[in-house]
Amino acid sequence: MPLPALLENRLRLPIVGAPMFLVSTPALVIAQCAAGIVGGFPALNARPAALLDDWLSEINETLARAKRANPAAKIAPFAVNQIVHASNERLEHDVFEGDHQWHGVAAVPFLHRWLSVRPPEDG
C-alpha cells in the first residue's frame, strides 16, 4: 500500500510521535517534524482552549521557516489528537470541521479522532 500523498517525500522514518497528555508541546512536535517523523499532541494539552490557536500557528510557522531555510529537508506533517467524546467539554471549540480546518480557522495536516461517541445534538 503506498503512502498517502501528504506523507510522500516528507518522512525520514515511518514513525508517528505519540501525542502524550501533558507532555507533548509545540517544541516537541516541531522537533519531531524537523527530524522527519510525524509529530503529535493532544488538543487538550493547550490550556486554556484559546491557546490552541497559538500552538497551531507556532507549529505551522516554525515548520514553514525550516522548510524555506532548507527546501531539501524532509519536514514531516503533524497530527492533533482530538478526544471525540461527550465528556470533552472543549469539543465544540476544538472540533475538526473538514477541509483541513481547525474550528474554521487554521489548517492542520491531519487529525486523529479517538472514541466514536459524539455529544448529543442540541434540540
N, C-alpha and C. Protein backbone atom coordinates (compact mmCIF):
# COMPACT_ATOMS: atom_id res chain seq x y z
N MET A 1 0.84 -1.16 0.00
CA MET A 1 0.00 0.00 0.00
C MET A 1 0.90 1.24 0.00
N PRO A 2 0.69 2.15 -0.93
CA PRO A 2 1.52 3.36 -0.99
C PRO A 2 1.17 4.34 0.14
N LEU A 3 2.13 5.18 0.45
CA LEU A 3 1.89 6.23 1.44
C LEU A 3 0.90 7.25 0.90
N PRO A 4 0.09 7.84 1.77
CA PRO A 4 -0.78 8.93 1.32
C PRO A 4 0.08 10.09 0.80
N ALA A 5 -0.45 10.84 -0.13
CA ALA A 5 0.30 11.95 -0.75
C ALA A 5 0.83 12.92 0.30
N LEU A 6 0.09 13.12 1.37
CA LEU A 6 0.51 14.03 2.43
C LEU A 6 1.86 13.64 3.03
N LEU A 7 2.18 12.34 3.00
CA LEU A 7 3.40 11.84 3.63
C LEU A 7 4.54 11.60 2.64
N GLU A 8 4.24 11.55 1.36
CA GLU A 8 5.27 11.24 0.36
C GLU A 8 6.41 12.25 0.41
N ASN A 9 7.61 11.74 0.45
CA ASN A 9 8.84 12.55 0.45
C ASN A 9 8.92 13.52 1.62
N ARG A 10 8.21 13.23 2.69
CA ARG A 10 8.26 14.10 3.87
C ARG A 10 8.73 13.38 5.12
N LEU A 11 8.92 12.06 5.03
CA LEU A 11 9.32 11.28 6.20
C LEU A 11 10.72 10.72 6.05
N ARG A 12 11.50 10.78 7.13
CA ARG A 12 12.78 10.08 7.15
C ARG A 12 12.55 8.65 7.61
N LEU A 13 11.59 8.47 8.51
CA LEU A 13 11.20 7.16 9.02
C LEU A 13 9.68 7.14 9.15
N PRO A 14 9.05 5.98 8.95
CA PRO A 14 7.59 5.90 9.08
C PRO A 14 7.16 5.79 10.54
N ILE A 15 7.31 6.89 11.26
CA ILE A 15 7.02 6.92 12.70
C ILE A 15 6.08 8.08 13.00
N VAL A 16 5.16 7.83 13.93
CA VAL A 16 4.29 8.89 14.44
C VAL A 16 4.65 9.07 15.91
N GLY A 17 5.08 10.29 16.27
CA GLY A 17 5.37 10.59 17.67
C GLY A 17 4.08 10.56 18.48
N ALA A 18 4.12 9.88 19.60
CA ALA A 18 2.92 9.73 20.42
C ALA A 18 2.42 11.07 20.93
N PRO A 19 1.12 11.35 20.79
CA PRO A 19 0.56 12.57 21.36
C PRO A 19 0.32 12.35 22.86
N MET A 20 1.31 12.70 23.69
CA MET A 20 1.28 12.39 25.11
C MET A 20 0.60 13.50 25.92
N PHE A 21 -0.39 13.09 26.72
CA PHE A 21 -1.14 14.03 27.54
C PHE A 21 -0.20 14.74 28.52
N LEU A 22 -0.26 16.06 28.52
CA LEU A 22 0.51 16.96 29.37
C LEU A 22 2.01 16.96 29.07
N VAL A 23 2.48 16.17 28.13
CA VAL A 23 3.91 16.12 27.80
C VAL A 23 4.17 16.75 26.44
N SER A 24 3.37 16.43 25.45
CA SER A 24 3.59 16.94 24.10
C SER A 24 3.26 18.42 24.02
N THR A 25 4.21 19.19 23.51
CA THR A 25 4.08 20.64 23.38
C THR A 25 4.51 21.03 21.97
N PRO A 26 4.32 22.28 21.58
CA PRO A 26 4.79 22.70 20.27
C PRO A 26 6.29 22.43 20.06
N ALA A 27 7.10 22.64 21.08
CA ALA A 27 8.54 22.41 20.93
C ALA A 27 8.84 20.96 20.57
N LEU A 28 8.17 20.01 21.22
CA LEU A 28 8.37 18.60 20.93
C LEU A 28 7.86 18.27 19.53
N VAL A 29 6.69 18.75 19.18
CA VAL A 29 6.11 18.48 17.86
C VAL A 29 7.01 19.03 16.75
N ILE A 30 7.51 20.24 16.93
CA ILE A 30 8.39 20.85 15.95
C ILE A 30 9.67 20.03 15.80
N ALA A 31 10.25 19.59 16.91
CA ALA A 31 11.46 18.78 16.86
C ALA A 31 11.20 17.45 16.14
N GLN A 32 10.06 16.82 16.41
CA GLN A 32 9.73 15.57 15.74
C GLN A 32 9.59 15.78 14.24
N CYS A 33 8.83 16.78 13.85
CA CYS A 33 8.60 17.04 12.42
C CYS A 33 9.90 17.40 11.70
N ALA A 34 10.72 18.21 12.35
CA ALA A 34 12.00 18.60 11.76
C ALA A 34 12.94 17.41 11.61
N ALA A 35 12.75 16.39 12.45
CA ALA A 35 13.55 15.17 12.36
C ALA A 35 13.00 14.21 11.32
N GLY A 36 11.86 14.55 10.72
CA GLY A 36 11.29 13.72 9.66
C GLY A 36 10.33 12.66 10.11
N ILE A 37 9.78 12.80 11.32
CA ILE A 37 8.72 11.89 11.77
C ILE A 37 7.48 12.74 12.09
N VAL A 38 6.31 12.14 12.03
CA VAL A 38 5.08 12.86 12.31
C VAL A 38 5.04 13.20 13.79
N GLY A 39 4.92 14.48 14.10
CA GLY A 39 4.77 14.91 15.49
C GLY A 39 3.31 14.97 15.85
N GLY A 40 3.00 14.77 17.11
CA GLY A 40 1.60 14.82 17.53
C GLY A 40 1.44 15.34 18.94
N PHE A 41 0.27 15.95 19.18
CA PHE A 41 -0.07 16.40 20.53
C PHE A 41 -1.58 16.34 20.70
N PRO A 42 -2.03 16.10 21.94
CA PRO A 42 -3.47 16.15 22.21
C PRO A 42 -3.94 17.60 22.24
N ALA A 43 -5.07 17.88 21.64
CA ALA A 43 -5.63 19.24 21.66
C ALA A 43 -5.81 19.73 23.09
N LEU A 44 -6.15 18.84 23.99
CA LEU A 44 -6.40 19.23 25.38
C LEU A 44 -5.15 19.68 26.12
N ASN A 45 -3.95 19.48 25.54
CA ASN A 45 -2.74 19.97 26.19
C ASN A 45 -2.65 21.49 26.13
N ALA A 46 -3.27 22.09 25.16
CA ALA A 46 -3.27 23.55 25.03
C ALA A 46 -4.29 24.11 26.01
N ARG A 47 -3.80 24.72 27.08
CA ARG A 47 -4.68 25.22 28.13
C ARG A 47 -4.32 26.65 28.44
N PRO A 48 -5.29 27.55 28.44
CA PRO A 48 -6.71 27.39 28.17
C PRO A 48 -6.97 27.11 26.69
N ALA A 49 -8.21 26.85 26.35
CA ALA A 49 -8.58 26.45 25.00
C ALA A 49 -8.11 27.45 23.94
N ALA A 50 -8.13 28.73 24.25
CA ALA A 50 -7.71 29.75 23.29
C ALA A 50 -6.25 29.60 22.90
N LEU A 51 -5.44 28.94 23.73
CA LEU A 51 -4.03 28.74 23.44
C LEU A 51 -3.81 27.81 22.25
N LEU A 52 -4.80 26.99 21.93
CA LEU A 52 -4.67 26.05 20.82
C LEU A 52 -4.35 26.77 19.51
N ASP A 53 -5.00 27.89 19.26
CA ASP A 53 -4.72 28.65 18.04
C ASP A 53 -3.27 29.10 17.99
N ASP A 54 -2.74 29.54 19.13
CA ASP A 54 -1.34 29.96 19.19
C ASP A 54 -0.41 28.79 18.92
N TRP A 55 -0.72 27.62 19.48
CA TRP A 55 0.10 26.44 19.25
C TRP A 55 0.12 26.07 17.77
N LEU A 56 -1.05 26.05 17.15
CA LEU A 56 -1.12 25.69 15.73
C LEU A 56 -0.34 26.68 14.88
N SER A 57 -0.45 27.97 15.18
CA SER A 57 0.30 28.98 14.43
C SER A 57 1.79 28.81 14.63
N GLU A 58 2.22 28.60 15.87
CA GLU A 58 3.64 28.42 16.16
C GLU A 58 4.22 27.23 15.40
N ILE A 59 3.51 26.11 15.44
CA ILE A 59 3.99 24.91 14.76
C ILE A 59 4.05 25.14 13.26
N ASN A 60 2.95 25.63 12.68
CA ASN A 60 2.91 25.86 11.23
C ASN A 60 3.99 26.85 10.78
N GLU A 61 4.12 27.96 11.49
CA GLU A 61 5.10 28.99 11.09
C GLU A 61 6.53 28.50 11.24
N THR A 62 6.83 27.80 12.33
CA THR A 62 8.19 27.31 12.55
C THR A 62 8.58 26.26 11.51
N LEU A 63 7.65 25.35 11.20
CA LEU A 63 7.95 24.32 10.20
C LEU A 63 8.08 24.94 8.81
N ALA A 64 7.28 25.94 8.50
CA ALA A 64 7.39 26.63 7.21
C ALA A 64 8.74 27.33 7.09
N ARG A 65 9.20 27.98 8.17
CA ARG A 65 10.51 28.63 8.15
C ARG A 65 11.62 27.61 7.95
N ALA A 66 11.51 26.47 8.62
CA ALA A 66 12.51 25.41 8.48
C ALA A 66 12.57 24.90 7.05
N LYS A 67 11.43 24.76 6.42
CA LYS A 67 11.37 24.28 5.03
C LYS A 67 11.95 25.33 4.08
N ARG A 68 11.65 26.59 4.32
CA ARG A 68 12.23 27.65 3.48
C ARG A 68 13.76 27.71 3.64
N ALA A 69 14.24 27.50 4.85
CA ALA A 69 15.68 27.55 5.11
C ALA A 69 16.41 26.37 4.49
N ASN A 70 15.72 25.23 4.38
CA ASN A 70 16.32 24.03 3.80
C ASN A 70 15.26 23.29 2.98
N PRO A 71 15.06 23.71 1.73
CA PRO A 71 14.00 23.11 0.90
C PRO A 71 14.14 21.61 0.68
N ALA A 72 15.34 21.08 0.81
CA ALA A 72 15.54 19.64 0.60
C ALA A 72 15.21 18.82 1.85
N ALA A 73 15.02 19.48 2.97
CA ALA A 73 14.76 18.77 4.23
C ALA A 73 13.43 18.04 4.18
N LYS A 74 13.39 16.89 4.84
CA LYS A 74 12.14 16.14 4.97
C LYS A 74 11.46 16.60 6.26
N ILE A 75 10.57 17.56 6.12
CA ILE A 75 9.82 18.10 7.25
C ILE A 75 8.47 17.40 7.26
N ALA A 76 8.24 16.59 8.27
CA ALA A 76 7.01 15.80 8.35
C ALA A 76 5.84 16.67 8.79
N PRO A 77 4.62 16.24 8.46
CA PRO A 77 3.42 16.94 8.96
C PRO A 77 3.21 16.61 10.43
N PHE A 78 2.27 17.27 11.04
CA PHE A 78 1.94 16.98 12.44
C PHE A 78 0.49 16.57 12.56
N ALA A 79 0.18 15.97 13.70
CA ALA A 79 -1.18 15.48 13.97
C ALA A 79 -1.66 16.05 15.29
N VAL A 80 -2.97 16.27 15.36
CA VAL A 80 -3.59 16.73 16.60
C VAL A 80 -4.57 15.64 17.04
N ASN A 81 -4.36 15.13 18.24
CA ASN A 81 -5.24 14.10 18.78
C ASN A 81 -6.45 14.77 19.41
N GLN A 82 -7.61 14.48 18.88
CA GLN A 82 -8.85 15.08 19.37
C GLN A 82 -9.69 14.02 20.06
N ILE A 83 -10.05 14.25 21.29
CA ILE A 83 -10.93 13.34 22.02
C ILE A 83 -12.37 13.66 21.64
N VAL A 84 -12.99 12.75 20.91
CA VAL A 84 -14.36 12.95 20.45
C VAL A 84 -15.26 12.12 21.36
N HIS A 85 -15.62 12.72 22.47
CA HIS A 85 -16.42 12.04 23.49
C HIS A 85 -17.25 13.09 24.21
N ALA A 86 -18.42 12.71 24.62
CA ALA A 86 -19.33 13.67 25.27
C ALA A 86 -18.72 14.30 26.52
N SER A 87 -17.74 13.64 27.14
CA SER A 87 -17.13 14.19 28.35
C SER A 87 -16.12 15.30 28.04
N ASN A 88 -15.75 15.47 26.79
CA ASN A 88 -14.81 16.52 26.40
C ASN A 88 -15.56 17.84 26.26
N GLU A 89 -15.48 18.68 27.27
CA GLU A 89 -16.21 19.95 27.26
C GLU A 89 -15.69 20.92 26.22
N ARG A 90 -14.49 20.68 25.69
CA ARG A 90 -13.92 21.57 24.67
C ARG A 90 -14.23 21.11 23.25
N LEU A 91 -14.97 20.06 23.11
CA LEU A 91 -15.21 19.51 21.78
C LEU A 91 -15.77 20.54 20.82
N GLU A 92 -16.72 21.32 21.23
CA GLU A 92 -17.30 22.33 20.35
C GLU A 92 -16.24 23.31 19.86
N HIS A 93 -15.35 23.72 20.76
CA HIS A 93 -14.29 24.67 20.39
C HIS A 93 -13.26 24.02 19.47
N ASP A 94 -12.90 22.78 19.78
CA ASP A 94 -11.78 22.14 19.10
C ASP A 94 -12.16 21.26 17.92
N VAL A 95 -13.44 21.19 17.58
CA VAL A 95 -13.89 20.21 16.58
C VAL A 95 -13.27 20.46 15.20
N PHE A 96 -12.96 19.36 14.53
CA PHE A 96 -12.41 19.38 13.17
C PHE A 96 -13.61 19.41 12.22
N GLU A 97 -13.67 20.42 11.35
CA GLU A 97 -14.85 20.59 10.51
C GLU A 97 -14.64 20.24 9.05
N GLY A 98 -13.53 19.64 8.69
CA GLY A 98 -13.30 19.26 7.30
C GLY A 98 -12.48 20.29 6.55
N ASP A 99 -12.09 19.92 5.34
CA ASP A 99 -11.24 20.77 4.51
C ASP A 99 -10.00 21.23 5.25
N HIS A 100 -9.54 20.38 6.16
CA HIS A 100 -8.33 20.68 6.95
C HIS A 100 -8.45 22.01 7.68
N GLN A 101 -9.61 22.23 8.25
CA GLN A 101 -9.84 23.44 9.05
C GLN A 101 -9.93 23.04 10.52
N TRP A 102 -9.38 23.87 11.37
CA TRP A 102 -9.48 23.66 12.80
C TRP A 102 -10.46 24.69 13.32
N HIS A 103 -11.60 24.28 13.77
CA HIS A 103 -12.76 25.11 14.13
C HIS A 103 -12.86 26.33 13.23
N GLY A 104 -12.70 26.06 11.91
CA GLY A 104 -12.93 27.07 10.90
C GLY A 104 -11.81 28.08 10.72
N VAL A 105 -10.67 27.90 11.39
CA VAL A 105 -9.64 28.92 11.33
C VAL A 105 -8.34 28.41 10.71
N ALA A 106 -7.57 27.64 11.42
CA ALA A 106 -6.23 27.26 10.98
C ALA A 106 -6.20 25.87 10.37
N ALA A 107 -5.44 25.71 9.31
CA ALA A 107 -5.30 24.40 8.66
C ALA A 107 -4.36 23.51 9.46
N VAL A 108 -4.70 22.25 9.56
CA VAL A 108 -3.82 21.25 10.16
C VAL A 108 -3.69 20.11 9.17
N PRO A 109 -2.52 19.48 9.11
CA PRO A 109 -2.30 18.42 8.12
C PRO A 109 -3.27 17.24 8.26
N PHE A 110 -3.46 16.73 9.42
CA PHE A 110 -4.48 15.71 9.61
C PHE A 110 -4.80 15.59 11.09
N LEU A 111 -5.90 14.94 11.37
CA LEU A 111 -6.41 14.91 12.74
C LEU A 111 -6.74 13.49 13.14
N HIS A 112 -6.26 13.08 14.30
CA HIS A 112 -6.62 11.76 14.84
C HIS A 112 -7.88 11.92 15.68
N ARG A 113 -8.82 11.02 15.48
CA ARG A 113 -10.02 11.04 16.32
C ARG A 113 -10.06 9.74 17.11
N TRP A 114 -10.24 9.85 18.39
CA TRP A 114 -10.37 8.70 19.25
C TRP A 114 -11.79 8.70 19.81
N LEU A 115 -12.31 7.56 20.04
CA LEU A 115 -13.65 7.37 20.59
C LEU A 115 -14.69 7.91 19.62
N SER A 116 -15.59 7.09 19.23
CA SER A 116 -16.56 7.49 18.21
C SER A 116 -17.82 8.11 18.80
N VAL A 117 -17.87 8.31 20.09
CA VAL A 117 -19.07 8.87 20.72
C VAL A 117 -19.06 10.39 20.55
N ARG A 118 -20.12 10.93 20.05
CA ARG A 118 -20.24 12.38 19.90
C ARG A 118 -21.22 12.91 20.92
N PRO A 119 -21.07 14.18 21.31
CA PRO A 119 -22.04 14.73 22.27
C PRO A 119 -23.42 14.78 21.65
N PRO A 120 -24.45 14.75 22.48
CA PRO A 120 -25.82 14.81 21.96
C PRO A 120 -26.06 16.12 21.23
N GLU A 121 -26.89 16.06 20.20
CA GLU A 121 -27.26 17.26 19.46
C GLU A 121 -28.14 18.14 20.32
N ASP A 122 -28.00 19.45 20.19
CA ASP A 122 -28.90 20.37 20.88
C ASP A 122 -30.28 20.29 20.24
N GLY A 123 -31.30 20.43 21.02
CA GLY A 123 -32.61 20.48 20.41
C GLY A 123 -33.65 19.75 21.08
